[in-house]
Amino acid sequence: MASKILKATTNLTGMTVSKDPHYALKLLYGKILRDLKKIPATATYRKYTEDIINTRLGHVESETNIARLERKINCGQIEEVIVQ
C-alpha cells in the first residue's frame, strides 16, 4: 500500500492543493479523449493530442506517488497539470 503524504501548499498564489489529483486527471483526460472523437481520425491535431493524453493517462493509472507522477508528466506540479 502506497503511503499518502499530502503537501500543505503549492506555493503558487491562488492555487490550492488537489485532494485527489488522480481522480481529477482521469476525469479530465477521459473528457478530452471523448471530445477528440468528434474530430476526424485523420486530423493531425487529433493524432498527436490523443498520443499525449493516452501517455499521460497511462502514467496517472500506473503511478500512485504524486512526486513521481509530476516528474513523469514533466509539466510542473500536479495542480498545474490539472488546470492546463
N, C-alpha and C. Protein backbone atom coordinates (compact mmCIF):
# COMPACT_ATOMS: atom_id res chain seq x y z
N MET A 1 0.84 -1.17 0.00
CA MET A 1 0.00 0.00 0.00
C MET A 1 0.89 1.24 0.00
N ALA A 2 0.64 2.14 -0.89
CA ALA A 2 1.43 3.36 -1.00
C ALA A 2 1.03 4.34 0.09
N SER A 3 2.05 4.96 0.67
CA SER A 3 1.73 5.96 1.69
C SER A 3 1.31 7.25 1.01
N LYS A 4 0.38 7.94 1.62
CA LYS A 4 -0.11 9.20 1.05
C LYS A 4 0.41 10.34 1.92
N ILE A 5 1.35 11.09 1.37
CA ILE A 5 1.86 12.26 2.04
C ILE A 5 1.30 13.46 1.30
N LEU A 6 0.46 14.22 1.97
CA LEU A 6 -0.16 15.37 1.34
C LEU A 6 0.67 16.61 1.63
N LYS A 7 0.92 17.38 0.59
CA LYS A 7 1.64 18.63 0.81
C LYS A 7 0.67 19.68 1.33
N ALA A 8 1.21 20.64 2.07
CA ALA A 8 0.37 21.66 2.69
C ALA A 8 0.02 22.78 1.73
N THR A 9 0.91 23.08 0.79
CA THR A 9 0.69 24.19 -0.13
C THR A 9 1.39 23.93 -1.45
N THR A 10 0.92 24.60 -2.49
CA THR A 10 1.58 24.51 -3.79
C THR A 10 2.65 25.58 -3.93
N ASN A 11 2.62 26.57 -3.04
CA ASN A 11 3.49 27.75 -3.12
C ASN A 11 3.21 28.57 -4.37
N LEU A 12 2.04 28.39 -4.94
CA LEU A 12 1.60 29.17 -6.10
C LEU A 12 0.37 29.96 -5.67
N THR A 13 0.43 31.26 -5.85
CA THR A 13 -0.66 32.13 -5.41
C THR A 13 -1.98 31.73 -6.05
N GLY A 14 -2.99 31.51 -5.22
CA GLY A 14 -4.33 31.20 -5.70
C GLY A 14 -4.55 29.75 -6.10
N MET A 15 -3.53 28.91 -6.01
CA MET A 15 -3.69 27.51 -6.40
C MET A 15 -3.62 26.63 -5.15
N THR A 16 -4.73 25.95 -4.88
CA THR A 16 -4.79 25.09 -3.70
C THR A 16 -4.32 23.68 -4.06
N VAL A 17 -3.98 22.94 -3.03
CA VAL A 17 -3.53 21.56 -3.20
C VAL A 17 -4.71 20.69 -3.59
N SER A 18 -4.53 19.86 -4.61
CA SER A 18 -5.59 18.95 -5.05
C SER A 18 -5.72 17.80 -4.05
N LYS A 19 -6.95 17.51 -3.64
CA LYS A 19 -7.19 16.43 -2.69
C LYS A 19 -7.06 15.05 -3.35
N ASP A 20 -7.44 14.93 -4.60
CA ASP A 20 -7.36 13.66 -5.31
C ASP A 20 -7.00 13.90 -6.78
N PRO A 21 -5.72 14.18 -7.04
CA PRO A 21 -5.31 14.51 -8.41
C PRO A 21 -5.50 13.38 -9.41
N HIS A 22 -5.37 12.14 -8.96
CA HIS A 22 -5.56 11.01 -9.88
C HIS A 22 -6.99 11.01 -10.42
N TYR A 23 -7.95 11.19 -9.53
CA TYR A 23 -9.36 11.21 -9.93
C TYR A 23 -9.62 12.37 -10.88
N ALA A 24 -9.12 13.55 -10.53
CA ALA A 24 -9.34 14.74 -11.36
C ALA A 24 -8.74 14.56 -12.75
N LEU A 25 -7.53 14.03 -12.82
CA LEU A 25 -6.89 13.85 -14.12
C LEU A 25 -7.57 12.78 -14.96
N LYS A 26 -8.02 11.70 -14.32
CA LYS A 26 -8.74 10.66 -15.07
C LYS A 26 -10.02 11.23 -15.68
N LEU A 27 -10.74 12.04 -14.92
CA LEU A 27 -11.95 12.67 -15.45
C LEU A 27 -11.63 13.60 -16.62
N LEU A 28 -10.64 14.45 -16.44
CA LEU A 28 -10.27 15.41 -17.49
C LEU A 28 -9.76 14.71 -18.74
N TYR A 29 -8.89 13.74 -18.57
CA TYR A 29 -8.34 13.05 -19.73
C TYR A 29 -9.42 12.25 -20.46
N GLY A 30 -10.35 11.67 -19.71
CA GLY A 30 -11.48 10.97 -20.34
C GLY A 30 -12.33 11.91 -21.17
N LYS A 31 -12.60 13.10 -20.63
CA LYS A 31 -13.39 14.09 -21.36
C LYS A 31 -12.65 14.55 -22.62
N ILE A 32 -11.37 14.79 -22.51
CA ILE A 32 -10.59 15.21 -23.68
C ILE A 32 -10.63 14.13 -24.76
N LEU A 33 -10.45 12.88 -24.36
CA LEU A 33 -10.46 11.79 -25.35
C LEU A 33 -11.83 11.65 -26.01
N ARG A 34 -12.91 11.82 -25.23
CA ARG A 34 -14.26 11.78 -25.83
C ARG A 34 -14.45 12.92 -26.81
N ASP A 35 -14.00 14.11 -26.45
CA ASP A 35 -14.14 15.27 -27.35
C ASP A 35 -13.30 15.11 -28.61
N LEU A 36 -12.15 14.48 -28.49
CA LEU A 36 -11.29 14.27 -29.67
C LEU A 36 -11.95 13.35 -30.69
N LYS A 37 -12.83 12.47 -30.23
CA LYS A 37 -13.53 11.56 -31.15
C LYS A 37 -14.40 12.31 -32.15
N LYS A 38 -14.73 13.57 -31.84
CA LYS A 38 -15.56 14.38 -32.73
C LYS A 38 -14.74 14.96 -33.89
N ILE A 39 -13.43 14.90 -33.77
CA ILE A 39 -12.53 15.41 -34.81
C ILE A 39 -12.20 14.25 -35.74
N PRO A 40 -12.09 14.49 -37.05
CA PRO A 40 -11.76 13.39 -37.97
C PRO A 40 -10.49 12.65 -37.54
N ALA A 41 -10.54 11.32 -37.66
CA ALA A 41 -9.42 10.48 -37.23
C ALA A 41 -8.13 10.79 -37.99
N THR A 42 -8.25 11.36 -39.16
CA THR A 42 -7.06 11.66 -39.96
C THR A 42 -6.43 13.01 -39.59
N ALA A 43 -7.08 13.78 -38.75
CA ALA A 43 -6.57 15.10 -38.37
C ALA A 43 -5.30 14.96 -37.52
N THR A 44 -4.28 15.70 -37.90
CA THR A 44 -3.01 15.66 -37.19
C THR A 44 -3.18 16.07 -35.73
N TYR A 45 -3.97 17.10 -35.49
CA TYR A 45 -4.20 17.56 -34.11
C TYR A 45 -4.74 16.42 -33.25
N ARG A 46 -5.71 15.69 -33.78
CA ARG A 46 -6.30 14.59 -33.00
C ARG A 46 -5.26 13.52 -32.72
N LYS A 47 -4.49 13.14 -33.72
CA LYS A 47 -3.49 12.07 -33.54
C LYS A 47 -2.50 12.41 -32.44
N TYR A 48 -1.91 13.60 -32.53
CA TYR A 48 -0.88 13.97 -31.57
C TYR A 48 -1.46 14.23 -30.18
N THR A 49 -2.63 14.82 -30.11
CA THR A 49 -3.25 15.08 -28.81
C THR A 49 -3.65 13.77 -28.14
N GLU A 50 -4.20 12.83 -28.90
CA GLU A 50 -4.54 11.51 -28.34
C GLU A 50 -3.29 10.82 -27.81
N ASP A 51 -2.19 10.90 -28.55
CA ASP A 51 -0.95 10.28 -28.09
C ASP A 51 -0.51 10.86 -26.74
N ILE A 52 -0.53 12.19 -26.64
CA ILE A 52 -0.11 12.85 -25.41
C ILE A 52 -1.02 12.47 -24.25
N ILE A 53 -2.33 12.55 -24.48
CA ILE A 53 -3.29 12.28 -23.41
C ILE A 53 -3.25 10.82 -22.99
N ASN A 54 -3.14 9.91 -23.94
CA ASN A 54 -3.06 8.48 -23.59
C ASN A 54 -1.79 8.17 -22.81
N THR A 55 -0.68 8.81 -23.16
CA THR A 55 0.56 8.62 -22.41
C THR A 55 0.41 9.13 -20.99
N ARG A 56 -0.14 10.33 -20.85
CA ARG A 56 -0.35 10.90 -19.51
C ARG A 56 -1.34 10.06 -18.70
N LEU A 57 -2.40 9.60 -19.33
CA LEU A 57 -3.39 8.77 -18.63
C LEU A 57 -2.74 7.47 -18.15
N GLY A 58 -1.87 6.91 -18.96
CA GLY A 58 -1.13 5.71 -18.55
C GLY A 58 -0.29 5.97 -17.32
N HIS A 59 0.37 7.12 -17.28
CA HIS A 59 1.16 7.49 -16.10
C HIS A 59 0.26 7.64 -14.88
N VAL A 60 -0.87 8.29 -15.04
CA VAL A 60 -1.80 8.51 -13.93
C VAL A 60 -2.29 7.17 -13.38
N GLU A 61 -2.58 6.23 -14.27
CA GLU A 61 -3.11 4.93 -13.84
C GLU A 61 -2.04 4.04 -13.22
N SER A 62 -0.78 4.22 -13.62
CA SER A 62 0.27 3.32 -13.14
C SER A 62 1.09 3.88 -11.98
N GLU A 63 1.11 5.18 -11.80
CA GLU A 63 1.96 5.79 -10.77
C GLU A 63 1.12 6.35 -9.62
N THR A 64 1.27 5.77 -8.45
CA THR A 64 0.49 6.23 -7.30
C THR A 64 1.17 7.38 -6.55
N ASN A 65 2.49 7.49 -6.68
CA ASN A 65 3.24 8.53 -5.99
C ASN A 65 3.14 9.84 -6.77
N ILE A 66 2.63 10.89 -6.14
CA ILE A 66 2.40 12.17 -6.82
C ILE A 66 3.69 12.79 -7.31
N ALA A 67 4.74 12.77 -6.51
CA ALA A 67 6.01 13.38 -6.92
C ALA A 67 6.57 12.69 -8.16
N ARG A 68 6.51 11.36 -8.20
CA ARG A 68 7.00 10.64 -9.39
C ARG A 68 6.10 10.90 -10.58
N LEU A 69 4.79 11.02 -10.35
CA LEU A 69 3.86 11.33 -11.43
C LEU A 69 4.17 12.70 -12.02
N GLU A 70 4.45 13.67 -11.16
CA GLU A 70 4.81 15.01 -11.64
C GLU A 70 6.06 14.95 -12.51
N ARG A 71 7.04 14.15 -12.11
CA ARG A 71 8.27 14.02 -12.91
C ARG A 71 8.00 13.33 -14.25
N LYS A 72 7.15 12.32 -14.24
CA LYS A 72 6.84 11.61 -15.49
C LYS A 72 6.09 12.50 -16.48
N ILE A 73 5.12 13.26 -16.00
CA ILE A 73 4.35 14.15 -16.88
C ILE A 73 5.20 15.35 -17.27
N ASN A 74 6.04 15.81 -16.34
CA ASN A 74 7.02 16.86 -16.62
C ASN A 74 6.39 18.18 -17.07
N CYS A 75 5.35 18.60 -16.37
CA CYS A 75 4.69 19.88 -16.68
C CYS A 75 4.41 20.67 -15.41
N GLY A 76 5.29 20.56 -14.42
CA GLY A 76 5.10 21.30 -13.17
C GLY A 76 4.38 20.47 -12.13
N GLN A 77 3.86 21.17 -11.13
CA GLN A 77 3.13 20.49 -10.07
C GLN A 77 1.83 19.90 -10.63
N ILE A 78 1.36 18.87 -9.97
CA ILE A 78 0.17 18.17 -10.47
C ILE A 78 -1.03 19.10 -10.54
N GLU A 79 -1.10 20.08 -9.64
CA GLU A 79 -2.20 21.05 -9.68
C GLU A 79 -2.12 21.90 -10.95
N GLU A 80 -0.91 22.19 -11.41
CA GLU A 80 -0.74 22.94 -12.66
C GLU A 80 -1.18 22.10 -13.85
N VAL A 81 -0.89 20.82 -13.80
CA VAL A 81 -1.30 19.91 -14.88
C VAL A 81 -2.82 19.87 -14.97
N ILE A 82 -3.49 19.85 -13.83
CA ILE A 82 -4.96 19.79 -13.81
C ILE A 82 -5.57 21.01 -14.48
N VAL A 83 -5.01 22.19 -14.28
CA VAL A 83 -5.60 23.40 -14.85
C VAL A 83 -5.12 23.71 -16.26
N GLN A 84 -4.18 22.96 -16.78
CA GLN A 84 -3.67 23.23 -18.13
C GLN A 84 -4.72 22.98 -19.17
